[in-house]
């Protein structure tokens, strides 16, 4: 069986979320490759390098809002210039603050706001829509 997505990306400083999500994606063969970054700055720098080298960009990005160095909002503001239209970004957060949800809707790049933890049914739906 071929995975529905070639490359997925998790940008999060929460090692537990990364571990669990990575495990669910791998064990259910939802993506052939998963790349992870611990903050938005690290992700921006690496994704710019991928673009410059014309390498495959992740089709799905799970982006945490609250991270050190560069948070999810800053990442979204900076990534606009290099983001291929086919990339689907899902904000992930433990925040249920209505202001965060409303703010997420102001970004065309964001497909959905997901409250952690993200279950396998949600992951399966996301990867099959990509």
N, C-alpha and C. Protein backbone atom coordinates (compact mmCIF):
# COMPACT_ATOMS: atom_id res chain seq x y z
N UNK A 1 0.83 -1.18 0.00
CA UNK A 1 0.00 0.00 0.00
C UNK A 1 0.88 1.25 0.00
N UNK A 2 0.54 2.19 -0.85
CA UNK A 2 1.28 3.44 -0.92
C UNK A 2 0.64 4.45 0.02
N UNK A 3 1.47 5.16 0.74
CA UNK A 3 0.98 6.20 1.66
C UNK A 3 0.31 7.31 0.87
N UNK A 4 -0.76 7.89 1.42
CA UNK A 4 -1.44 8.97 0.71
C UNK A 4 -0.60 10.24 0.55
N UNK A 5 0.40 10.42 1.41
CA UNK A 5 1.26 11.61 1.37
C UNK A 5 2.71 11.16 1.34
N UNK A 6 3.52 11.83 0.52
CA UNK A 6 4.93 11.48 0.48
C UNK A 6 5.65 12.05 1.70
N UNK A 7 5.51 13.36 1.94
CA UNK A 7 6.24 13.99 3.04
C UNK A 7 5.31 14.82 3.91
N UNK A 8 5.37 14.58 5.20
CA UNK A 8 4.64 15.37 6.19
C UNK A 8 5.66 16.06 7.08
N UNK A 9 5.23 17.14 7.72
CA UNK A 9 6.12 17.92 8.56
C UNK A 9 5.41 18.26 9.86
N UNK A 10 6.14 18.12 10.96
CA UNK A 10 5.64 18.52 12.27
C UNK A 10 6.57 19.60 12.80
N UNK A 11 5.99 20.77 13.10
CA UNK A 11 6.76 21.87 13.67
C UNK A 11 6.21 22.11 15.07
N UNK A 12 6.96 21.65 16.07
CA UNK A 12 6.44 21.67 17.43
C UNK A 12 7.59 21.47 18.41
N UNK A 13 7.51 22.11 19.56
CA UNK A 13 8.55 21.93 20.57
C UNK A 13 8.15 20.89 21.62
N UNK A 14 6.98 20.30 21.46
CA UNK A 14 6.47 19.29 22.39
C UNK A 14 6.89 17.90 21.92
N UNK A 15 7.90 17.33 22.58
CA UNK A 15 8.44 16.04 22.11
C UNK A 15 7.42 14.91 22.23
N UNK A 16 6.51 15.01 23.18
CA UNK A 16 5.47 13.97 23.31
C UNK A 16 4.53 14.02 22.12
N UNK A 17 4.08 15.23 21.73
CA UNK A 17 3.21 15.36 20.57
C UNK A 17 3.91 14.84 19.32
N UNK A 18 5.17 15.19 19.15
CA UNK A 18 5.93 14.74 17.99
C UNK A 18 6.00 13.21 17.98
N UNK A 19 6.35 12.62 19.12
CA UNK A 19 6.49 11.17 19.20
C UNK A 19 5.17 10.46 18.87
N UNK A 20 4.09 10.89 19.52
CA UNK A 20 2.80 10.22 19.33
C UNK A 20 2.30 10.40 17.89
N UNK A 21 2.37 11.61 17.37
CA UNK A 21 1.89 11.86 16.01
C UNK A 21 2.73 11.10 15.00
N UNK A 22 4.03 11.13 15.17
CA UNK A 22 4.94 10.39 14.30
C UNK A 22 4.58 8.90 14.32
N UNK A 23 4.37 8.36 15.51
CA UNK A 23 4.03 6.94 15.63
C UNK A 23 2.72 6.61 14.92
N UNK A 24 1.69 7.44 15.13
CA UNK A 24 0.39 7.19 14.49
C UNK A 24 0.49 7.26 12.97
N UNK A 25 1.22 8.25 12.47
CA UNK A 25 1.37 8.40 11.02
C UNK A 25 2.14 7.22 10.43
N UNK A 26 3.25 6.85 11.06
CA UNK A 26 4.06 5.73 10.55
C UNK A 26 3.34 4.40 10.64
N UNK A 27 2.74 4.12 11.80
CA UNK A 27 2.11 2.81 11.98
C UNK A 27 0.87 2.63 11.11
N UNK A 28 0.27 3.73 10.66
CA UNK A 28 -0.89 3.65 9.78
C UNK A 28 -0.54 3.97 8.33
N UNK A 29 0.75 4.04 8.05
CA UNK A 29 1.27 4.26 6.70
C UNK A 29 0.60 5.43 5.99
N UNK A 30 0.52 6.56 6.69
CA UNK A 30 -0.13 7.74 6.13
C UNK A 30 0.84 8.64 5.35
N UNK A 31 2.14 8.50 5.63
CA UNK A 31 3.15 9.30 4.95
C UNK A 31 4.42 8.47 4.81
N UNK A 32 5.10 8.65 3.70
CA UNK A 32 6.35 7.93 3.48
C UNK A 32 7.49 8.51 4.29
N UNK A 33 7.42 9.82 4.56
CA UNK A 33 8.49 10.50 5.28
C UNK A 33 7.89 11.55 6.21
N UNK A 34 8.47 11.71 7.38
CA UNK A 34 8.06 12.75 8.32
C UNK A 34 9.30 13.52 8.74
N UNK A 35 9.25 14.83 8.56
CA UNK A 35 10.34 15.68 9.02
C UNK A 35 9.82 16.52 10.18
N UNK A 36 10.69 16.76 11.16
CA UNK A 36 10.27 17.52 12.33
C UNK A 36 11.23 18.68 12.60
N UNK A 37 10.66 19.75 13.12
CA UNK A 37 11.43 20.91 13.54
C UNK A 37 10.91 21.35 14.89
N UNK A 38 11.80 21.86 15.74
CA UNK A 38 11.40 22.20 17.10
C UNK A 38 10.94 23.65 17.28
N UNK A 39 11.05 24.46 16.22
CA UNK A 39 10.52 25.83 16.26
C UNK A 39 10.36 26.36 14.85
N UNK A 40 9.65 27.45 14.74
CA UNK A 40 9.35 28.02 13.44
C UNK A 40 10.56 28.51 12.68
N UNK A 41 11.57 29.04 13.39
CA UNK A 41 12.78 29.54 12.72
C UNK A 41 13.53 28.39 12.06
N UNK A 42 13.72 27.31 12.79
CA UNK A 42 14.40 26.13 12.23
C UNK A 42 13.65 25.64 10.98
N UNK A 43 12.33 25.60 11.07
CA UNK A 43 11.52 25.13 9.94
C UNK A 43 11.63 26.06 8.74
N UNK A 44 11.52 27.36 8.96
CA UNK A 44 11.63 28.33 7.85
C UNK A 44 12.97 28.17 7.15
N UNK A 45 14.05 28.11 7.92
CA UNK A 45 15.39 27.99 7.33
C UNK A 45 15.52 26.74 6.48
N UNK A 46 15.04 25.60 7.01
CA UNK A 46 15.15 24.34 6.28
C UNK A 46 14.23 24.29 5.07
N UNK A 47 13.02 24.82 5.21
CA UNK A 47 12.08 24.80 4.09
C UNK A 47 12.55 25.72 2.97
N UNK A 48 13.19 26.84 3.32
CA UNK A 48 13.77 27.70 2.29
C UNK A 48 14.86 26.97 1.53
N UNK A 49 15.66 26.19 2.26
CA UNK A 49 16.72 25.39 1.62
C UNK A 49 16.12 24.36 0.67
N UNK A 50 15.04 23.70 1.10
CA UNK A 50 14.36 22.74 0.22
C UNK A 50 13.91 23.43 -1.07
N UNK A 51 13.32 24.60 -0.92
CA UNK A 51 12.83 25.33 -2.09
C UNK A 51 13.97 25.73 -3.01
N UNK A 52 15.04 26.27 -2.43
CA UNK A 52 16.20 26.69 -3.23
C UNK A 52 16.81 25.53 -3.99
N UNK A 53 16.81 24.35 -3.38
CA UNK A 53 17.39 23.17 -4.02
C UNK A 53 16.36 22.40 -4.86
N UNK A 54 15.17 22.98 -4.97
CA UNK A 54 14.07 22.38 -5.73
C UNK A 54 13.77 20.96 -5.27
N UNK A 55 13.85 20.76 -3.96
CA UNK A 55 13.53 19.45 -3.38
C UNK A 55 12.05 19.43 -3.00
N UNK A 56 11.57 18.24 -2.73
CA UNK A 56 10.16 18.04 -2.41
C UNK A 56 9.79 18.77 -1.12
N UNK A 57 8.74 19.57 -1.21
CA UNK A 57 8.20 20.29 -0.07
C UNK A 57 7.18 19.37 0.61
N UNK A 58 7.04 19.43 1.93
CA UNK A 58 6.02 18.59 2.58
C UNK A 58 4.63 18.98 2.09
N UNK A 59 3.78 17.97 1.91
CA UNK A 59 2.41 18.25 1.46
C UNK A 59 1.51 18.66 2.62
N UNK A 60 1.85 18.17 3.82
CA UNK A 60 1.06 18.44 5.01
C UNK A 60 2.01 18.95 6.10
N UNK A 61 1.62 20.06 6.75
CA UNK A 61 2.40 20.61 7.85
C UNK A 61 1.50 20.74 9.08
N UNK A 62 1.95 20.16 10.20
CA UNK A 62 1.30 20.35 11.49
C UNK A 62 2.12 21.38 12.23
N UNK A 63 1.50 22.51 12.54
CA UNK A 63 2.21 23.67 13.08
C UNK A 63 1.67 24.05 14.45
N UNK A 64 2.53 23.98 15.45
CA UNK A 64 2.16 24.42 16.79
C UNK A 64 2.15 25.95 16.82
N UNK A 65 1.28 26.50 17.66
CA UNK A 65 1.21 27.96 17.78
C UNK A 65 2.28 28.48 18.72
N UNK A 66 2.38 27.88 19.91
CA UNK A 66 3.27 28.40 20.95
C UNK A 66 4.58 27.62 20.99
N UNK A 67 5.64 28.27 20.47
CA UNK A 67 6.97 27.67 20.45
C UNK A 67 7.99 28.77 20.73
N UNK A 68 9.18 28.37 21.21
CA UNK A 68 10.24 29.36 21.39
C UNK A 68 10.84 29.77 20.05
N UNK A 69 11.63 30.79 20.03
CA UNK A 69 12.38 31.32 18.90
C UNK A 69 11.45 31.99 17.88
N UNK A 70 10.59 31.21 17.21
CA UNK A 70 9.60 31.76 16.28
C UNK A 70 8.34 30.93 16.43
N UNK A 71 7.26 31.56 16.85
CA UNK A 71 6.01 30.82 17.08
C UNK A 71 5.28 30.54 15.76
N UNK A 72 4.17 29.86 15.86
CA UNK A 72 3.41 29.49 14.68
C UNK A 72 2.91 30.68 13.88
N UNK A 73 2.49 31.73 14.57
CA UNK A 73 2.01 32.92 13.87
C UNK A 73 3.14 33.56 13.06
N UNK A 74 4.33 33.65 13.66
CA UNK A 74 5.48 34.20 12.95
C UNK A 74 5.87 33.34 11.77
N UNK A 75 5.80 32.03 11.96
CA UNK A 75 6.08 31.10 10.85
C UNK A 75 5.13 31.37 9.70
N UNK A 76 3.82 31.47 9.99
CA UNK A 76 2.83 31.71 8.94
C UNK A 76 3.10 33.02 8.21
N UNK A 77 3.48 34.05 8.94
CA UNK A 77 3.77 35.34 8.31
C UNK A 77 4.97 35.25 7.37
N UNK A 78 5.97 34.48 7.74
CA UNK A 78 7.19 34.38 6.94
C UNK A 78 7.10 33.38 5.79
N UNK A 79 6.34 32.32 5.95
CA UNK A 79 6.33 31.23 4.97
C UNK A 79 5.55 31.61 3.70
N UNK A 80 4.71 32.62 3.80
CA UNK A 80 3.84 33.00 2.67
C UNK A 80 4.60 33.17 1.36
N UNK A 81 5.81 33.69 1.43
CA UNK A 81 6.56 34.00 0.21
C UNK A 81 7.08 32.77 -0.51
N UNK A 82 7.22 31.65 0.20
CA UNK A 82 7.79 30.45 -0.45
C UNK A 82 6.86 29.25 -0.45
N UNK A 83 5.69 29.39 0.12
CA UNK A 83 4.80 28.24 0.30
C UNK A 83 4.11 27.86 -1.00
N UNK A 84 4.34 26.63 -1.49
CA UNK A 84 3.57 26.18 -2.66
C UNK A 84 2.08 26.08 -2.29
N UNK A 85 1.21 26.38 -3.24
CA UNK A 85 -0.22 26.38 -2.97
C UNK A 85 -0.75 25.01 -2.56
N UNK A 86 -0.08 23.97 -2.95
CA UNK A 86 -0.58 22.62 -2.67
C UNK A 86 -0.36 22.18 -1.22
N UNK A 87 0.43 22.93 -0.45
CA UNK A 87 0.74 22.56 0.93
C UNK A 87 -0.45 22.87 1.83
N UNK A 88 -0.77 21.90 2.69
CA UNK A 88 -1.89 22.07 3.62
C UNK A 88 -1.32 22.22 5.03
N UNK A 89 -1.66 23.35 5.69
CA UNK A 89 -1.16 23.62 7.03
C UNK A 89 -2.29 23.45 8.04
N UNK A 90 -1.99 22.69 9.09
CA UNK A 90 -2.94 22.46 10.18
C UNK A 90 -2.31 23.00 11.45
N UNK A 91 -2.96 23.99 12.06
CA UNK A 91 -2.48 24.51 13.33
C UNK A 91 -2.82 23.51 14.42
N UNK A 92 -1.86 23.24 15.28
CA UNK A 92 -2.09 22.33 16.41
C UNK A 92 -1.77 23.08 17.69
N UNK A 93 -2.67 22.98 18.64
CA UNK A 93 -2.45 23.69 19.89
C UNK A 93 -3.27 23.06 21.00
N UNK A 94 -2.79 23.23 22.21
CA UNK A 94 -3.58 22.82 23.37
C UNK A 94 -4.51 23.95 23.77
N UNK A 95 -4.39 25.11 23.12
CA UNK A 95 -5.22 26.27 23.43
C UNK A 95 -6.62 26.10 22.86
N UNK A 96 -7.61 26.35 23.70
CA UNK A 96 -8.99 26.38 23.22
C UNK A 96 -9.51 27.82 23.24
N UNK A 97 -8.58 28.77 23.30
CA UNK A 97 -8.92 30.18 23.32
C UNK A 97 -9.56 30.57 21.99
N UNK A 98 -10.74 31.15 22.06
CA UNK A 98 -11.48 31.55 20.87
C UNK A 98 -10.69 32.55 20.02
N UNK A 99 -9.85 33.36 20.66
CA UNK A 99 -9.03 34.33 19.92
C UNK A 99 -8.03 33.63 19.00
N UNK A 100 -7.46 32.51 19.47
CA UNK A 100 -6.53 31.75 18.62
C UNK A 100 -7.27 31.16 17.42
N UNK A 101 -8.43 30.60 17.67
CA UNK A 101 -9.24 30.03 16.59
C UNK A 101 -9.61 31.11 15.57
N UNK A 102 -10.06 32.25 16.06
CA UNK A 102 -10.41 33.35 15.16
C UNK A 102 -9.20 33.83 14.36
N UNK A 103 -8.07 33.95 15.04
CA UNK A 103 -6.85 34.41 14.35
C UNK A 103 -6.44 33.41 13.27
N UNK A 104 -6.60 32.12 13.55
CA UNK A 104 -6.21 31.10 12.57
C UNK A 104 -7.01 31.25 11.27
N UNK A 105 -8.25 31.73 11.39
CA UNK A 105 -9.10 31.89 10.21
C UNK A 105 -8.67 33.06 9.33
N UNK A 106 -7.79 33.92 9.84
CA UNK A 106 -7.32 35.05 9.05
C UNK A 106 -6.17 34.65 8.11
N UNK A 107 -5.71 33.42 8.21
CA UNK A 107 -4.63 32.93 7.35
C UNK A 107 -5.20 31.97 6.31
N UNK A 108 -5.12 32.36 5.04
CA UNK A 108 -5.62 31.49 3.97
C UNK A 108 -4.86 30.16 3.92
N UNK A 109 -3.62 30.17 4.40
CA UNK A 109 -2.78 28.96 4.34
C UNK A 109 -3.23 27.89 5.32
N UNK A 110 -4.00 28.26 6.33
CA UNK A 110 -4.41 27.31 7.37
C UNK A 110 -5.69 26.60 6.96
N UNK A 111 -5.61 25.28 6.91
CA UNK A 111 -6.78 24.47 6.55
C UNK A 111 -7.70 24.24 7.73
N UNK A 112 -7.09 24.06 8.91
CA UNK A 112 -7.90 23.71 10.07
C UNK A 112 -7.12 23.97 11.35
N UNK A 113 -7.84 24.25 12.41
CA UNK A 113 -7.27 24.44 13.74
C UNK A 113 -7.59 23.17 14.54
N UNK A 114 -6.55 22.47 14.99
CA UNK A 114 -6.73 21.21 15.71
C UNK A 114 -6.29 21.37 17.16
N UNK A 115 -7.15 20.94 18.06
CA UNK A 115 -6.80 20.97 19.48
C UNK A 115 -6.12 19.64 19.82
N UNK A 116 -4.95 19.74 20.46
CA UNK A 116 -4.19 18.54 20.86
C UNK A 116 -4.91 17.82 21.99
N UNK A 117 -4.77 16.52 22.05
CA UNK A 117 -4.08 15.63 21.12
C UNK A 117 -4.92 15.39 19.87
N UNK A 118 -4.24 15.03 18.78
CA UNK A 118 -4.91 14.75 17.51
C UNK A 118 -5.05 13.24 17.40
N UNK A 119 -6.28 12.77 17.19
CA UNK A 119 -6.51 11.32 17.15
C UNK A 119 -6.29 10.74 15.76
N UNK A 120 -6.26 9.43 15.69
CA UNK A 120 -5.96 8.74 14.43
C UNK A 120 -7.04 8.98 13.38
N UNK A 121 -8.29 9.11 13.79
CA UNK A 121 -9.36 9.37 12.82
C UNK A 121 -9.13 10.71 12.12
N UNK A 122 -8.75 11.72 12.89
CA UNK A 122 -8.48 13.04 12.32
C UNK A 122 -7.27 12.98 11.41
N UNK A 123 -6.21 12.32 11.85
CA UNK A 123 -5.00 12.20 11.01
C UNK A 123 -5.31 11.48 9.71
N UNK A 124 -6.05 10.40 9.79
CA UNK A 124 -6.40 9.63 8.58
C UNK A 124 -7.19 10.51 7.60
N UNK A 125 -8.15 11.25 8.12
CA UNK A 125 -8.94 12.15 7.26
C UNK A 125 -8.05 13.19 6.60
N UNK A 126 -7.16 13.80 7.38
CA UNK A 126 -6.27 14.84 6.85
C UNK A 126 -5.37 14.30 5.75
N UNK A 127 -4.76 13.16 5.99
CA UNK A 127 -3.82 12.61 5.00
C UNK A 127 -4.56 12.12 3.76
N UNK A 128 -5.75 11.66 3.90
CA UNK A 128 -6.50 11.22 2.71
C UNK A 128 -7.06 12.39 1.91
N UNK A 129 -7.19 13.57 2.53
CA UNK A 129 -7.64 14.77 1.82
C UNK A 129 -6.49 15.46 1.09
N UNK A 130 -5.26 15.19 1.51
CA UNK A 130 -4.10 15.90 0.96
C UNK A 130 -3.86 15.56 -0.50
